[in-house]
């Protein structure tokens, strides 16, 4: 898994811990960061043939 995939996995994991009302602002920032990383990864994927890790599997493919 490359750096973008690792970052996405970590952000998604952190996001699940932050689904509380008092941490909603942090969760909102993480959602924006994930969205930006996914968009970057998608554009890189077209040129590099990379595969985005599944949102349900933070570790990606085995």
N, C-alpha and C. Protein backbone atom coordinates (compact mmCIF):
# COMPACT_ATOMS: atom_id res chain seq x y z
N UNK A 1 0.85 -1.17 0.00
CA UNK A 1 0.00 0.00 0.00
C UNK A 1 0.90 1.24 0.00
N UNK A 2 0.57 2.22 -0.84
CA UNK A 2 1.38 3.42 -0.92
C UNK A 2 0.98 4.42 0.17
N UNK A 3 1.64 5.56 0.19
CA UNK A 3 1.43 6.56 1.24
C UNK A 3 -0.01 7.09 1.27
N UNK A 4 -0.61 7.29 0.10
CA UNK A 4 -1.98 7.79 0.06
C UNK A 4 -2.93 6.75 0.65
N UNK A 5 -2.72 5.49 0.31
CA UNK A 5 -3.56 4.42 0.86
C UNK A 5 -3.44 4.32 2.37
N UNK A 6 -2.22 4.44 2.87
CA UNK A 6 -2.00 4.40 4.32
C UNK A 6 -2.69 5.58 4.99
N UNK A 7 -2.54 6.77 4.39
CA UNK A 7 -3.18 7.96 4.96
C UNK A 7 -4.69 7.81 4.99
N UNK A 8 -5.26 7.29 3.90
CA UNK A 8 -6.71 7.07 3.87
C UNK A 8 -7.14 6.09 4.94
N UNK A 9 -6.40 5.02 5.11
CA UNK A 9 -6.74 4.02 6.13
C UNK A 9 -6.72 4.63 7.52
N UNK A 10 -5.68 5.42 7.81
CA UNK A 10 -5.57 6.05 9.12
C UNK A 10 -6.68 7.07 9.35
N UNK A 11 -6.99 7.86 8.34
CA UNK A 11 -8.05 8.86 8.48
C UNK A 11 -9.40 8.21 8.67
N UNK A 12 -9.66 7.13 7.94
CA UNK A 12 -10.95 6.43 8.09
C UNK A 12 -11.06 5.82 9.49
N UNK A 13 -9.97 5.25 9.97
CA UNK A 13 -9.97 4.69 11.32
C UNK A 13 -10.22 5.75 12.37
N UNK A 14 -9.56 6.90 12.22
CA UNK A 14 -9.75 8.00 13.16
C UNK A 14 -11.17 8.53 13.11
N UNK A 15 -11.74 8.57 11.92
CA UNK A 15 -13.09 9.08 11.75
C UNK A 15 -14.10 8.26 12.54
N UNK A 16 -13.93 6.95 12.59
CA UNK A 16 -14.87 6.11 13.33
C UNK A 16 -14.81 6.41 14.83
N UNK A 17 -13.66 6.88 15.31
CA UNK A 17 -13.53 7.21 16.73
C UNK A 17 -14.10 8.59 17.05
N UNK A 18 -14.36 9.38 16.03
CA UNK A 18 -14.75 10.77 16.25
C UNK A 18 -16.22 11.04 15.97
N UNK A 19 -17.05 10.02 15.91
CA UNK A 19 -18.47 10.23 15.63
C UNK A 19 -19.26 10.58 16.90
N UNK A 20 -18.77 11.55 17.63
CA UNK A 20 -19.44 12.07 18.81
C UNK A 20 -19.76 13.54 18.55
N UNK A 21 -20.85 14.07 19.12
CA UNK A 21 -21.24 15.45 18.86
C UNK A 21 -20.14 16.47 19.15
N UNK A 22 -19.39 16.30 20.23
CA UNK A 22 -18.38 17.28 20.60
C UNK A 22 -17.13 17.22 19.72
N UNK A 23 -17.01 16.20 18.92
CA UNK A 23 -15.85 16.09 18.03
C UNK A 23 -16.25 16.22 16.57
N UNK A 24 -17.45 16.71 16.32
CA UNK A 24 -17.96 16.77 14.95
C UNK A 24 -17.09 17.66 14.06
N UNK A 25 -16.54 18.74 14.57
CA UNK A 25 -15.71 19.62 13.75
C UNK A 25 -14.46 18.88 13.27
N UNK A 26 -13.84 18.11 14.16
CA UNK A 26 -12.66 17.32 13.77
C UNK A 26 -13.06 16.28 12.74
N UNK A 27 -14.18 15.62 12.97
CA UNK A 27 -14.66 14.62 12.02
C UNK A 27 -14.94 15.25 10.66
N UNK A 28 -15.48 16.45 10.66
CA UNK A 28 -15.77 17.15 9.41
C UNK A 28 -14.47 17.43 8.64
N UNK A 29 -13.43 17.85 9.35
CA UNK A 29 -12.13 18.09 8.71
C UNK A 29 -11.54 16.79 8.16
N UNK A 30 -11.69 15.70 8.91
CA UNK A 30 -11.21 14.41 8.42
C UNK A 30 -11.96 13.98 7.17
N UNK A 31 -13.26 14.20 7.14
CA UNK A 31 -14.04 13.85 5.94
C UNK A 31 -13.54 14.61 4.72
N UNK A 32 -13.25 15.90 4.91
CA UNK A 32 -12.72 16.71 3.81
C UNK A 32 -11.35 16.20 3.37
N UNK A 33 -10.51 15.83 4.33
CA UNK A 33 -9.18 15.31 4.00
C UNK A 33 -9.28 13.99 3.25
N UNK A 34 -10.20 13.12 3.69
CA UNK A 34 -10.40 11.84 3.01
C UNK A 34 -10.88 12.08 1.59
N UNK A 35 -11.84 12.98 1.43
CA UNK A 35 -12.36 13.28 0.09
C UNK A 35 -11.26 13.80 -0.83
N UNK A 36 -10.43 14.70 -0.31
CA UNK A 36 -9.33 15.24 -1.12
C UNK A 36 -8.33 14.16 -1.48
N UNK A 37 -8.01 13.28 -0.51
CA UNK A 37 -7.06 12.20 -0.79
C UNK A 37 -7.64 11.22 -1.80
N UNK A 38 -8.94 10.93 -1.70
CA UNK A 38 -9.57 10.03 -2.66
C UNK A 38 -9.55 10.62 -4.06
N UNK A 39 -9.81 11.92 -4.17
CA UNK A 39 -9.77 12.56 -5.48
C UNK A 39 -8.36 12.51 -6.06
N UNK A 40 -7.36 12.78 -5.23
CA UNK A 40 -5.96 12.73 -5.68
C UNK A 40 -5.60 11.31 -6.10
N UNK A 41 -6.00 10.35 -5.28
CA UNK A 41 -5.71 8.95 -5.57
C UNK A 41 -6.36 8.54 -6.88
N UNK A 42 -7.62 8.97 -7.09
CA UNK A 42 -8.33 8.62 -8.32
C UNK A 42 -7.62 9.15 -9.55
N UNK A 43 -7.11 10.37 -9.48
CA UNK A 43 -6.39 10.92 -10.64
C UNK A 43 -5.06 10.19 -10.84
N UNK A 44 -4.38 9.84 -9.74
CA UNK A 44 -3.13 9.08 -9.84
C UNK A 44 -3.40 7.67 -10.33
N UNK A 45 -4.53 7.09 -9.90
CA UNK A 45 -4.88 5.72 -10.27
C UNK A 45 -5.00 5.57 -11.78
N UNK A 46 -5.56 6.58 -12.42
CA UNK A 46 -5.73 6.51 -13.88
C UNK A 46 -4.39 6.45 -14.59
N UNK A 47 -3.39 7.11 -14.02
CA UNK A 47 -2.09 7.13 -14.70
C UNK A 47 -1.15 6.02 -14.22
N UNK A 48 -1.33 5.56 -12.97
CA UNK A 48 -0.40 4.58 -12.39
C UNK A 48 -0.96 3.17 -12.30
N UNK A 49 -2.26 2.99 -12.48
CA UNK A 49 -2.87 1.67 -12.34
C UNK A 49 -3.00 1.23 -10.89
N UNK A 50 -2.99 2.18 -9.93
CA UNK A 50 -3.10 1.85 -8.51
C UNK A 50 -4.54 1.51 -8.17
N UNK A 51 -4.74 0.80 -7.06
CA UNK A 51 -6.07 0.41 -6.61
C UNK A 51 -6.32 1.03 -5.24
N UNK A 52 -7.45 1.74 -5.10
CA UNK A 52 -7.80 2.39 -3.84
C UNK A 52 -8.25 1.34 -2.83
N UNK A 53 -7.70 1.39 -1.59
CA UNK A 53 -8.14 0.44 -0.56
C UNK A 53 -9.63 0.63 -0.27
N UNK A 54 -10.31 -0.46 0.05
CA UNK A 54 -11.74 -0.44 0.34
C UNK A 54 -11.98 0.29 1.66
N UNK A 55 -13.04 1.10 1.71
CA UNK A 55 -13.37 1.86 2.93
C UNK A 55 -13.68 0.93 4.10
N UNK A 56 -14.24 -0.24 3.84
CA UNK A 56 -14.57 -1.17 4.90
C UNK A 56 -13.36 -1.96 5.38
N UNK A 57 -12.31 -2.00 4.59
CA UNK A 57 -11.11 -2.75 4.95
C UNK A 57 -9.93 -1.79 5.03
N UNK A 58 -9.69 -1.19 6.23
CA UNK A 58 -8.64 -0.19 6.35
C UNK A 58 -7.24 -0.69 6.00
N UNK A 59 -7.05 -2.01 6.02
CA UNK A 59 -5.73 -2.55 5.69
C UNK A 59 -5.57 -2.80 4.20
N UNK A 60 -6.64 -2.64 3.44
CA UNK A 60 -6.56 -2.87 2.00
C UNK A 60 -6.44 -4.34 1.68
N UNK A 61 -6.03 -4.64 0.46
CA UNK A 61 -5.89 -6.04 0.07
C UNK A 61 -4.74 -6.72 0.81
N UNK A 62 -4.86 -8.03 1.01
CA UNK A 62 -3.80 -8.75 1.75
C UNK A 62 -2.49 -8.77 1.01
